[in-house]
Amino acid sequence: MGRSRRKVTRLQRKKLPNFFLCPQCGRDSIKVIIEDYKLPAVIFCGNCNLTHEITTKPGDMPVDIYCKFTDIFYSSPRPTT
């Protein structure tokens, strides 16, 4: 007679997103492309073709670059139509 084993529950780790919310069109279609940390990172929206380049530092993750991009986007004046 042995005792019954306890069920092991594993915690699921959350993953960082690959696509982010576009501030211009409102869709989940922003992709941050980092090729090399010496080159600027390219931010590209697959829906409205919004592109921007931001200089990076070693250790910057795509989430950090996206946050810098949104800060720049909302601080710059946009033309009203």
PDB file of N, CA and C in Angstrom:
ATOM      1  N   MET A   1       0.838  -1.177   0.000  1.00  0.00           N
ATOM      2  CA  MET A   1       0.000   0.000   0.000  1.00  0.00           C
ATOM      3  C   MET A   1       0.883   1.240   0.000  1.00  0.00           C
ATOM      4  N   GLY A   2       0.721   1.987  -0.996  1.00  0.00           N
ATOM      5  CA  GLY A   2       1.444   3.247  -1.069  1.00  0.00           C
ATOM      6  C   GLY A   2       0.457   4.400  -1.042  1.00  0.00           C
ATOM      7  N   ARG A   3       0.980   5.515  -0.788  1.00  0.00           N
ATOM      8  CA  ARG A   3       0.068   6.661  -0.778  1.00  0.00           C
ATOM      9  C   ARG A   3      -0.054   7.221  -2.188  1.00  0.00           C
ATOM     10  N   SER A   4      -1.130   7.906  -2.426  1.00  0.00           N
ATOM     11  CA  SER A   4      -1.373   8.432  -3.769  1.00  0.00           C
ATOM     12  C   SER A   4      -0.482   9.648  -4.009  1.00  0.00           C
ATOM     13  N   ARG A   5      -0.033   9.758  -5.251  1.00  0.00           N
ATOM     14  CA  ARG A   5       0.866  10.861  -5.609  1.00  0.00           C
ATOM     15  C   ARG A   5       0.078  12.151  -5.773  1.00  0.00           C
ATOM     16  N   ARG A   6       0.733  13.224  -5.420  1.00  0.00           N
ATOM     17  CA  ARG A   6       0.114  14.530  -5.551  1.00  0.00           C
ATOM     18  C   ARG A   6       0.253  15.007  -7.000  1.00  0.00           C
ATOM     19  N   LYS A   7      -0.780  15.629  -7.523  1.00  0.00           N
ATOM     20  CA  LYS A   7      -0.765  16.121  -8.890  1.00  0.00           C
ATOM     21  C   LYS A   7       0.110  17.375  -8.969  1.00  0.00           C
ATOM     22  N   VAL A   8       1.024  17.374  -9.923  1.00  0.00           N
ATOM     23  CA  VAL A   8       1.934  18.502 -10.088  1.00  0.00           C
ATOM     24  C   VAL A   8       1.310  19.488 -11.056  1.00  0.00           C
ATOM     25  N   THR A   9       1.152  20.728 -10.625  1.00  0.00           N
ATOM     26  CA  THR A   9       0.638  21.772 -11.502  1.00  0.00           C
ATOM     27  C   THR A   9       1.799  22.662 -11.907  1.00  0.00           C
ATOM     28  N   ARG A  10       1.926  22.841 -13.186  1.00  0.00           N
ATOM     29  CA  ARG A  10       3.013  23.674 -13.708  1.00  0.00           C
ATOM     30  C   ARG A  10       2.465  25.040 -14.079  1.00  0.00           C
ATOM     31  N   LEU A  11       3.230  26.062 -13.738  1.00  0.00           N
ATOM     32  CA  LEU A  11       2.829  27.422 -14.072  1.00  0.00           C
ATOM     33  C   LEU A  11       3.178  27.707 -15.526  1.00  0.00           C
ATOM     34  N   GLN A  12       2.262  28.297 -16.240  1.00  0.00           N
ATOM     35  CA  GLN A  12       2.511  28.654 -17.619  1.00  0.00           C
ATOM     36  C   GLN A  12       3.143  30.035 -17.650  1.00  0.00           C
ATOM     37  N   ARG A  13       4.267  30.142 -18.321  1.00  0.00           N
ATOM     38  CA  ARG A  13       4.929  31.436 -18.449  1.00  0.00           C
ATOM     39  C   ARG A  13       4.333  32.197 -19.617  1.00  0.00           C
ATOM     40  N   LYS A  14       4.116  33.477 -19.398  1.00  0.00           N
ATOM     41  CA  LYS A  14       3.576  34.312 -20.458  1.00  0.00           C
ATOM     42  C   LYS A  14       4.698  34.698 -21.407  1.00  0.00           C
ATOM     43  N   LYS A  15       4.397  34.664 -22.682  1.00  0.00           N
ATOM     44  CA  LYS A  15       5.373  35.025 -23.705  1.00  0.00           C
ATOM     45  C   LYS A  15       5.160  36.480 -24.114  1.00  0.00           C
ATOM     46  N   LEU A  16       6.234  37.122 -24.547  1.00  0.00           N
ATOM     47  CA  LEU A  16       6.122  38.482 -25.061  1.00  0.00           C
ATOM     48  C   LEU A  16       5.470  38.434 -26.440  1.00  0.00           C
ATOM     49  N   PRO A  17       4.657  39.423 -26.769  1.00  0.00           N
ATOM     50  CA  PRO A  17       3.963  39.390 -28.058  1.00  0.00           C
ATOM     51  C   PRO A  17       4.913  39.650 -29.222  1.00  0.00           C
ATOM     52  N   ASN A  18       4.558  39.109 -30.397  1.00  0.00           N
ATOM     53  CA  ASN A  18       5.322  39.365 -31.610  1.00  0.00           C
ATOM     54  C   ASN A  18       4.743  40.549 -32.380  1.00  0.00           C
ATOM     55  N   PHE A  19       3.451  40.773 -32.267  1.00  0.00           N
ATOM     56  CA  PHE A  19       2.789  41.879 -32.943  1.00  0.00           C
ATOM     57  C   PHE A  19       2.175  42.797 -31.894  1.00  0.00           C
ATOM     58  N   PHE A  20       2.215  44.099 -32.184  1.00  0.00           N
ATOM     59  CA  PHE A  20       1.740  45.101 -31.242  1.00  0.00           C
ATOM     60  C   PHE A  20       0.630  45.923 -31.885  1.00  0.00           C
ATOM     61  N   LEU A  21      -0.058  46.701 -31.069  1.00  0.00           N
ATOM     62  CA  LEU A  21      -1.172  47.531 -31.509  1.00  0.00           C
ATOM     63  C   LEU A  21      -0.649  48.769 -32.231  1.00  0.00           C
ATOM     64  N   CYS A  22      -1.160  49.015 -33.415  1.00  0.00           N
ATOM     65  CA  CYS A  22      -0.747  50.182 -34.200  1.00  0.00           C
ATOM     66  C   CYS A  22      -1.487  51.411 -33.688  1.00  0.00           C
ATOM     67  N   PRO A  23      -0.771  52.495 -33.360  1.00  0.00           N
ATOM     68  CA  PRO A  23      -1.452  53.692 -32.865  1.00  0.00           C
ATOM     69  C   PRO A  23      -2.202  54.456 -33.952  1.00  0.00           C
ATOM     70  N   GLN A  24      -1.884  54.182 -35.224  1.00  0.00           N
ATOM     71  CA  GLN A  24      -2.529  54.916 -36.308  1.00  0.00           C
ATOM     72  C   GLN A  24      -3.809  54.224 -36.789  1.00  0.00           C
ATOM     73  N   CYS A  25      -3.743  52.924 -37.047  1.00  0.00           N
ATOM     74  CA  CYS A  25      -4.919  52.234 -37.585  1.00  0.00           C
ATOM     75  C   CYS A  25      -5.668  51.426 -36.522  1.00  0.00           C
ATOM     76  N   GLY A  26      -5.061  51.161 -35.358  1.00  0.00           N
ATOM     77  CA  GLY A  26      -5.751  50.478 -34.277  1.00  0.00           C
ATOM     78  C   GLY A  26      -5.776  48.967 -34.378  1.00  0.00           C
ATOM     79  N   ARG A  27      -5.021  48.387 -35.294  1.00  0.00           N
ATOM     80  CA  ARG A  27      -4.986  46.926 -35.434  1.00  0.00           C
ATOM     81  C   ARG A  27      -3.728  46.360 -34.791  1.00  0.00           C
ATOM     82  N   ASP A  28      -3.763  45.081 -34.552  1.00  0.00           N
ATOM     83  CA  ASP A  28      -2.645  44.377 -33.931  1.00  0.00           C
ATOM     84  C   ASP A  28      -1.670  43.940 -35.024  1.00  0.00           C
ATOM     85  N   SER A  29      -0.963  44.903 -35.658  1.00  0.00           N
ATOM     86  CA  SER A  29      -0.173  44.581 -36.841  1.00  0.00           C
ATOM     87  C   SER A  29       1.205  45.242 -36.867  1.00  0.00           C
ATOM     88  N   ILE A  30       1.688  45.751 -35.754  1.00  0.00           N
ATOM     89  CA  ILE A  30       3.029  46.352 -35.705  1.00  0.00           C
ATOM     90  C   ILE A  30       4.043  45.251 -35.448  1.00  0.00           C
ATOM     91  N   LYS A  31       5.068  45.192 -36.280  1.00  0.00           N
ATOM     92  CA  LYS A  31       6.168  44.237 -36.124  1.00  0.00           C
ATOM     93  C   LYS A  31       7.452  45.031 -35.926  1.00  0.00           C
ATOM     94  N   VAL A  32       8.230  44.671 -34.895  1.00  0.00           N
ATOM     95  CA  VAL A  32       9.510  45.320 -34.614  1.00  0.00           C
ATOM     96  C   VAL A  32      10.600  44.402 -35.137  1.00  0.00           C
ATOM     97  N   ILE A  33      11.424  44.911 -36.053  1.00  0.00           N
ATOM     98  CA  ILE A  33      12.486  44.119 -36.673  1.00  0.00           C
ATOM     99  C   ILE A  33      13.829  44.645 -36.190  1.00  0.00           C
ATOM    100  N   ILE A  34      14.568  43.787 -35.463  1.00  0.00           N
ATOM    101  CA  ILE A  34      15.895  44.135 -34.971  1.00  0.00           C
ATOM    102  C   ILE A  34      16.874  43.200 -35.659  1.00  0.00           C
ATOM    103  N   GLU A  35      17.684  43.730 -36.574  1.00  0.00           N
ATOM    104  CA  GLU A  35      18.667  42.885 -37.255  1.00  0.00           C
ATOM    105  C   GLU A  35      19.991  42.880 -36.500  1.00  0.00           C
ATOM    106  N   ASP A  36      20.446  44.043 -36.107  1.00  0.00           N
ATOM    107  CA  ASP A  36      21.708  44.174 -35.389  1.00  0.00           C
ATOM    108  C   ASP A  36      21.566  45.380 -34.477  1.00  0.00           C
ATOM    109  N   TYR A  37      22.192  45.319 -33.316  1.00  0.00           N
ATOM    110  CA  TYR A  37      22.023  46.414 -32.356  1.00  0.00           C
ATOM    111  C   TYR A  37      22.809  47.657 -32.755  1.00  0.00           C
ATOM    112  N   LYS A  38      23.666  47.555 -33.756  1.00  0.00           N
ATOM    113  CA  LYS A  38      24.360  48.745 -34.250  1.00  0.00           C
ATOM    114  C   LYS A  38      23.505  49.499 -35.254  1.00  0.00           C
ATOM    115  N   LEU A  39      22.591  48.788 -35.899  1.00  0.00           N
ATOM    116  CA  LEU A  39      21.703  49.398 -36.875  1.00  0.00           C
ATOM    117  C   LEU A  39      20.403  49.818 -36.188  1.00  0.00           C
ATOM    118  N   PRO A  40      19.675  50.773 -36.761  1.00  0.00           N
ATOM    119  CA  PRO A  40      18.385  51.133 -36.154  1.00  0.00           C
ATOM    120  C   PRO A  40      17.356  50.017 -36.354  1.00  0.00           C
ATOM    121  N   ALA A  41      16.462  49.889 -35.390  1.00  0.00           N
ATOM    122  CA  ALA A  41      15.371  48.919 -35.483  1.00  0.00           C
ATOM    123  C   ALA A  41      14.274  49.505 -36.352  1.00  0.00           C
ATOM    124  N   VAL A  42      13.638  48.664 -37.127  1.00  0.00           N
ATOM    125  CA  VAL A  42      12.574  49.093 -38.026  1.00  0.00           C
ATOM    126  C   VAL A  42      11.242  48.664 -37.428  1.00  0.00           C
ATOM    127  N   ILE A  43      10.316  49.611 -37.357  1.00  0.00           N
ATOM    128  CA  ILE A  43       8.965  49.351 -36.881  1.00  0.00           C
ATOM    129  C   ILE A  43       8.049  49.475 -38.088  1.00  0.00           C
ATOM    130  N   PHE A  44       7.289  48.418 -38.359  1.00  0.00           N
ATOM    131  CA  PHE A  44       6.494  48.365 -39.576  1.00  0.00           C
ATOM    132  C   PHE A  44       5.086  47.873 -39.264  1.00  0.00           C
ATOM    133  N   CYS A  45       4.092  48.588 -39.776  1.00  0.00           N
ATOM    134  CA  CYS A  45       2.701  48.167 -39.649  1.00  0.00           C
ATOM    135  C   CYS A  45       2.301  47.481 -40.953  1.00  0.00           C
ATOM    136  N   GLY A  46       1.837  46.256 -40.868  1.00  0.00           N
ATOM    137  CA  GLY A  46       1.440  45.513 -42.046  1.00  0.00           C
ATOM    138  C   GLY A  46       0.109  45.948 -42.616  1.00  0.00           C
ATOM    139  N   ASN A  47      -0.664  46.729 -41.882  1.00  0.00           N
ATOM    140  CA  ASN A  47      -1.982  47.145 -42.341  1.00  0.00           C
ATOM    141  C   ASN A  47      -1.941  48.511 -43.024  1.00  0.00           C
ATOM    142  N   CYS A  48      -1.387  49.508 -42.358  1.00  0.00           N
ATOM    143  CA  CYS A  48      -1.406  50.874 -42.899  1.00  0.00           C
ATOM    144  C   CYS A  48      -0.041  51.333 -43.416  1.00  0.00           C
ATOM    145  N   ASN A  49       0.959  50.448 -43.414  1.00  0.00           N
ATOM    146  CA  ASN A  49       2.312  50.728 -43.928  1.00  0.00           C
ATOM    147  C   ASN A  49       3.016  51.864 -43.193  1.00  0.00           C
ATOM    148  N   LEU A  50       2.729  52.041 -41.941  1.00  0.00           N
ATOM    149  CA  LEU A  50       3.434  53.010 -41.109  1.00  0.00           C
ATOM    150  C   LEU A  50       4.818  52.444 -40.804  1.00  0.00           C
ATOM    151  N   THR A  51       5.869  53.197 -41.083  1.00  0.00           N
ATOM    152  CA  THR A  51       7.233  52.740 -40.797  1.00  0.00           C
ATOM    153  C   THR A  51       7.969  53.806 -40.011  1.00  0.00           C
ATOM    154  N   HIS A  52       8.891  53.345 -39.178  1.00  0.00           N
ATOM    155  CA  HIS A  52       9.707  54.252 -38.381  1.00  0.00           C
ATOM    156  C   HIS A  52      10.984  53.518 -37.999  1.00  0.00           C
ATOM    157  N   GLU A  53      12.078  54.248 -37.861  1.00  0.00           N
ATOM    158  CA  GLU A  53      13.338  53.667 -37.433  1.00  0.00           C
ATOM    159  C   GLU A  53      13.754  54.288 -36.112  1.00  0.00           C
ATOM    160  N   ILE A  54      14.209  53.461 -35.183  1.00  0.00           N
ATOM    161  CA  ILE A  54      14.645  53.911 -33.862  1.00  0.00           C
ATOM    162  C   ILE A  54      15.986  53.280 -33.569  1.00  0.00           C
ATOM    163  N   THR A  55      16.918  54.080 -33.043  1.00  0.00           N
ATOM    164  CA  THR A  55      18.218  53.541 -32.660  1.00  0.00           C
ATOM    165  C   THR A  55      18.057  52.677 -31.414  1.00  0.00           C
ATOM    166  N   THR A  56      18.847  51.627 -31.340  1.00  0.00           N
ATOM    167  CA  THR A  56      18.731  50.686 -30.237  1.00  0.00           C
ATOM    168  C   THR A  56      20.035  50.602 -29.467  1.00  0.00           C
ATOM    169  N   LYS A  57      19.920  50.078 -28.267  1.00  0.00           N
ATOM    170  CA  LYS A  57      21.067  49.776 -27.427  1.00  0.00           C
ATOM    171  C   LYS A  57      21.099  48.275 -27.197  1.00  0.00           C
ATOM    172  N   PRO A  58      22.255  47.710 -26.894  1.00  0.00           N
ATOM    173  CA  PRO A  58      22.266  46.280 -26.574  1.00  0.00           C
ATOM    174  C   PRO A  58      21.385  46.001 -25.358  1.00  0.00           C
ATOM    175  N   GLY A  59      20.581  44.982 -25.470  1.00  0.00           N
ATOM    176  CA  GLY A  59      19.682  44.633 -24.385  1.00  0.00           C
ATOM    177  C   GLY A  59      18.265  45.128 -24.582  1.00  0.00           C
ATOM    178  N   ASP A  60      18.030  45.967 -25.587  1.00  0.00           N
ATOM    179  CA  ASP A  60      16.669  46.428 -25.866  1.00  0.00           C
ATOM    180  C   ASP A  60      15.855  45.291 -26.467  1.00  0.00           C
ATOM    181  N   MET A  61      14.690  45.075 -25.910  1.00  0.00           N
ATOM    182  CA  MET A  61      13.768  44.062 -26.413  1.00  0.00           C
ATOM    183  C   MET A  61      12.756  44.754 -27.336  1.00  0.00           C
ATOM    184  N   PRO A  62      12.051  43.986 -28.174  1.00  0.00           N
ATOM    185  CA  PRO A  62      11.040  44.601 -29.044  1.00  0.00           C
ATOM    186  C   PRO A  62       9.973  45.383 -28.283  1.00  0.00           C
ATOM    187  N   VAL A  63       9.651  44.968 -27.067  1.00  0.00           N
ATOM    188  CA  VAL A  63       8.668  45.695 -26.265  1.00  0.00           C
ATOM    189  C   VAL A  63       9.192  47.084 -25.911  1.00  0.00           C
ATOM    190  N   ASP A  64      10.476  47.186 -25.560  1.00  0.00           N
ATOM    191  CA  ASP A  64      11.070  48.478 -25.221  1.00  0.00           C
ATOM    192  C   ASP A  64      11.072  49.414 -26.426  1.00  0.00           C
ATOM    193  N   ILE A  65      11.395  48.877 -27.582  1.00  0.00           N
ATOM    194  CA  ILE A  65      11.440  49.691 -28.796  1.00  0.00           C
ATOM    195  C   ILE A  65      10.033  50.150 -29.175  1.00  0.00           C
ATOM    196  N   TYR A  66       9.041  49.280 -29.015  1.00  0.00           N
ATOM    197  CA  TYR A  66       7.654  49.657 -29.292  1.00  0.00           C
ATOM    198  C   TYR A  66       7.197  50.776 -28.358  1.00  0.00           C
ATOM    199  N   CYS A  67       7.586  50.720 -27.095  1.00  0.00           N
ATOM    200  CA  CYS A  67       7.213  51.774 -26.142  1.00  0.00           C
ATOM    201  C   CYS A  67       7.844  53.108 -26.524  1.00  0.00           C
ATOM    202  N   LYS A  68       9.110  53.077 -26.952  1.00  0.00           N
ATOM    203  CA  LYS A  68       9.757  54.310 -27.421  1.00  0.00           C
ATOM    204  C   LYS A  68       9.029  54.866 -28.640  1.00  0.00           C
ATOM    205  N   PHE A  69       8.624  53.975 -29.547  1.00  0.00           N
ATOM    206  CA  PHE A  69       7.918  54.389 -30.757  1.00  0.00           C
ATOM    207  C   PHE A  69       6.586  55.051 -30.414  1.00  0.00           C
ATOM    208  N   THR A  70       5.823  54.467 -29.500  1.00  0.00           N
ATOM    209  CA  THR A  70       4.530  55.063 -29.143  1.00  0.00           C
ATOM    210  C   THR A  70       4.714  56.407 -28.457  1.00  0.00           C
ATOM    211  N   ASP A  71       5.775  56.552 -27.652  1.00  0.00           N
ATOM    212  CA  ASP A  71       6.053  57.850 -27.036  1.00  0.00           C
ATOM    213  C   ASP A  71       6.339  58.902 -28.098  1.00  0.00           C
ATOM    214  N   ILE A  72       7.133  58.544 -29.091  1.00  0.00           N
ATOM    215  CA  ILE A  72       7.457  59.476 -30.182  1.00  0.00           C
ATOM    216  C   ILE A  72       6.208  59.780 -31.001  1.00  0.00           C
ATOM    217  N   PHE A  73       5.416  58.763 -31.294  1.00  0.00           N
ATOM    218  CA  PHE A  73       4.229  58.935 -32.129  1.00  0.00           C
ATOM    219  C   PHE A  73       3.218  59.876 -31.471  1.00  0.00           C
ATOM    220  N   TYR A  74       2.969  59.687 -30.187  1.00  0.00           N
ATOM    221  CA  TYR A  74       1.958  60.525 -29.524  1.00  0.00           C
ATOM    222  C   TYR A  74       2.483  61.910 -29.148  1.00  0.00           C
ATOM    223  N   SER A  75       3.799  62.089 -29.067  1.00  0.00           N
ATOM    224  CA  SER A  75       4.328  63.411 -28.724  1.00  0.00           C
ATOM    225  C   SER A  75       4.479  64.307 -29.937  1.00  0.00           C
ATOM    226  N   SER A  76       4.588  63.719 -31.145  1.00  0.00           N
ATOM    227  CA  SER A  76       4.751  64.544 -32.348  1.00  0.00           C
ATOM    228  C   SER A  76       3.384  65.043 -32.803  1.00  0.00           C
ATOM    229  N   PRO A  77       3.340  66.266 -33.342  1.00  0.00           N
ATOM    230  CA  PRO A  77       2.053  66.789 -33.833  1.00  0.00           C
ATOM    231  C   PRO A  77       1.655  66.064 -35.120  1.00  0.00           C
ATOM    232  N   ARG A  78       0.375  65.693 -35.211  1.00  0.00           N
ATOM    233  CA  ARG A  78      -0.147  65.019 -36.401  1.00  0.00           C
ATOM    234  C   ARG A  78      -1.117  65.962 -37.106  1.00  0.00           C
ATOM    235  N   PRO A  79      -1.111  65.927 -38.410  1.00  0.00           N
ATOM    236  CA  PRO A  79      -2.073  66.788 -39.136  1.00  0.00           C
ATOM    237  C   PRO A  79      -3.503  66.281 -38.939  1.00  0.00           C
ATOM    238  N   THR A  80      -4.426  67.203 -38.803  1.00  0.00           N
ATOM    239  CA  THR A  80      -5.833  66.845 -38.653  1.00  0.00           C
ATOM    240  C   THR A  80      -6.506  66.928 -40.009  1.00  0.00           C
ATOM    241  N   THR A  81      -7.429  66.024 -40.251  1.00  0.00           N
ATOM    242  CA  THR A  81      -8.126  66.040 -41.534  1.00  0.00           C
ATOM    243  C   THR A  81      -9.593  66.315 -41.361  1.00  0.00           C
TER     244      THR A  81
END
